[in-house]
Amino acid sequence: MRNRKGLTLIELLIVVIILSALAAIAIPRITTSATTAKRNACATNIDTLNTALEMYKMDHSSTAYPTLAVLVADVNYFPDGAPVCPFGTAYAIDGTTNRVISSTHAHP
């Protein structure tokens, strides 16, 4: 019997086919997971901003809501700076509901 030290072409092709099949399954799931994580992080940021908005209004005994710029500039509410949308869009306050929104993408 002779001594083999390498892979035959057929064995190499089978390994490449198996790795390609695994990549075809895994890559779409990874990209979907990343988008879901960004969407959840953005929804959490919006909830945090809305909570801070209500706290600001109660702390300052005001009937009017502050602007978003005034709210995030107050270091009592955001000592580490304002939350940033992972999609790179800006948050805004909806004038009718006085809630923080992001109009460029949907949230769960």
Protein backbone atom coordinates (compact mmCIF):
# COMPACT_ATOMS: atom_id res chain seq x y z
CA MET A 1 0.00 0.00 0.00
CA ARG A 2 1.34 3.41 -0.86
CA ASN A 3 1.61 6.29 1.60
CA ARG A 4 -0.88 9.17 0.90
CA LYS A 5 -0.02 12.65 2.14
CA GLY A 6 -2.70 14.81 0.56
CA LEU A 7 -6.30 15.12 -0.51
CA THR A 8 -7.58 13.97 -3.85
CA LEU A 9 -9.42 16.41 -6.08
CA ILE A 10 -12.76 14.72 -5.30
CA GLU A 11 -12.22 15.00 -1.55
CA LEU A 12 -11.30 18.65 -1.90
CA LEU A 13 -14.41 19.36 -3.99
CA ILE A 14 -16.62 17.66 -1.39
CA VAL A 15 -15.13 19.81 1.37
CA VAL A 16 -15.69 22.98 -0.68
CA ILE A 17 -19.30 22.00 -1.39
CA ILE A 18 -20.00 21.31 2.28
CA LEU A 19 -18.45 24.62 3.36
CA SER A 20 -20.43 26.48 0.67
CA ALA A 21 -23.68 24.91 1.86
CA LEU A 22 -22.94 25.86 5.47
CA ALA A 23 -22.10 29.44 4.44
CA ALA A 24 -25.33 29.68 2.42
CA ILE A 25 -27.28 28.75 5.53
CA ALA A 26 -25.34 30.83 8.07
CA ILE A 27 -24.76 34.17 6.31
CA PRO A 28 -28.44 35.17 5.87
CA ARG A 29 -29.13 34.32 9.51
CA ILE A 30 -26.21 36.44 10.70
CA THR A 31 -27.30 39.49 8.68
CA THR A 32 -30.89 39.12 9.88
CA SER A 33 -29.69 38.91 13.47
CA ALA A 34 -27.62 42.08 13.09
CA THR A 35 -30.60 44.02 11.72
CA THR A 36 -32.84 42.74 14.51
CA ALA A 37 -30.26 43.74 17.12
CA LYS A 38 -30.02 47.26 15.65
CA ARG A 39 -33.80 47.60 15.59
CA ASN A 40 -34.06 46.47 19.22
CA ALA A 41 -31.28 48.85 20.30
CA CYS A 42 -33.05 51.73 18.57
CA ALA A 43 -36.36 50.85 20.25
CA THR A 44 -34.58 50.77 23.61
CA ASN A 45 -33.05 54.19 22.94
CA ILE A 46 -36.47 55.60 22.09
CA ASP A 47 -37.92 54.17 25.32
CA THR A 48 -35.03 55.69 27.29
CA LEU A 49 -35.56 59.09 25.67
CA ASN A 50 -39.32 58.97 26.31
CA THR A 51 -38.73 58.10 29.97
CA ALA A 52 -36.25 60.95 30.33
CA LEU A 53 -38.73 63.27 28.63
CA GLU A 54 -41.41 62.46 31.20
CA MET A 55 -38.94 62.77 34.09
CA TYR A 56 -37.75 66.16 32.80
CA LYS A 57 -41.31 67.41 32.61
CA MET A 58 -42.06 66.27 36.17
CA ASP A 59 -38.78 67.58 37.60
CA HIS A 60 -39.28 71.02 36.12
CA SER A 61 -43.02 71.28 36.98
CA SER A 62 -43.76 72.27 33.45
CA THR A 63 -46.83 71.81 31.31
CA ALA A 64 -44.76 72.05 28.13
CA TYR A 65 -42.37 69.38 26.95
CA PRO A 66 -38.74 70.36 26.28
CA THR A 67 -37.14 70.08 22.90
CA LEU A 68 -34.98 67.04 22.29
CA ALA A 69 -31.86 69.21 22.18
CA VAL A 70 -32.62 70.65 25.63
CA LEU A 71 -33.35 67.20 27.03
CA VAL A 72 -30.19 65.48 25.82
CA ALA A 73 -28.01 68.45 26.79
CA ASP A 74 -28.98 68.02 30.46
CA VAL A 75 -26.26 65.92 32.08
CA ASN A 76 -28.62 64.89 34.88
CA TYR A 77 -30.49 62.70 32.39
CA PHE A 78 -27.71 61.77 29.97
CA PRO A 79 -24.30 62.05 31.66
CA ASP A 80 -22.67 59.99 28.91
CA GLY A 81 -24.33 61.90 26.07
CA ALA A 82 -27.43 61.36 24.03
CA PRO A 83 -28.37 57.90 22.74
CA VAL A 84 -27.46 57.44 19.10
CA CYS A 85 -29.56 55.46 16.66
CA PRO A 86 -27.61 52.43 15.41
CA PHE A 87 -28.99 53.08 11.92
CA GLY A 88 -27.42 56.56 11.95
CA THR A 89 -30.69 58.48 11.83
CA ALA A 90 -31.81 61.27 14.14
CA TYR A 91 -34.52 61.05 16.76
CA ALA A 92 -37.29 63.66 16.88
CA ILE A 93 -40.23 64.53 19.09
CA ASP A 94 -43.64 64.03 17.49
CA GLY A 95 -45.60 67.25 18.01
CA THR A 96 -48.97 65.54 18.40
CA THR A 97 -48.07 62.81 20.88
CA ASN A 98 -45.02 64.44 22.52
CA ARG A 99 -43.15 61.15 22.15
CA VAL A 100 -39.70 60.51 20.71
CA ILE A 101 -39.81 58.79 17.33
CA SER A 102 -37.55 57.76 14.50
CA SER A 103 -39.39 58.13 11.22
CA THR A 104 -36.86 56.43 8.99
CA HIS A 105 -37.32 52.82 10.06
CA ALA A 106 -39.91 50.65 11.76
CA HIS A 107 -39.67 49.32 15.29
CA PRO A 108 -41.07 46.11 16.69
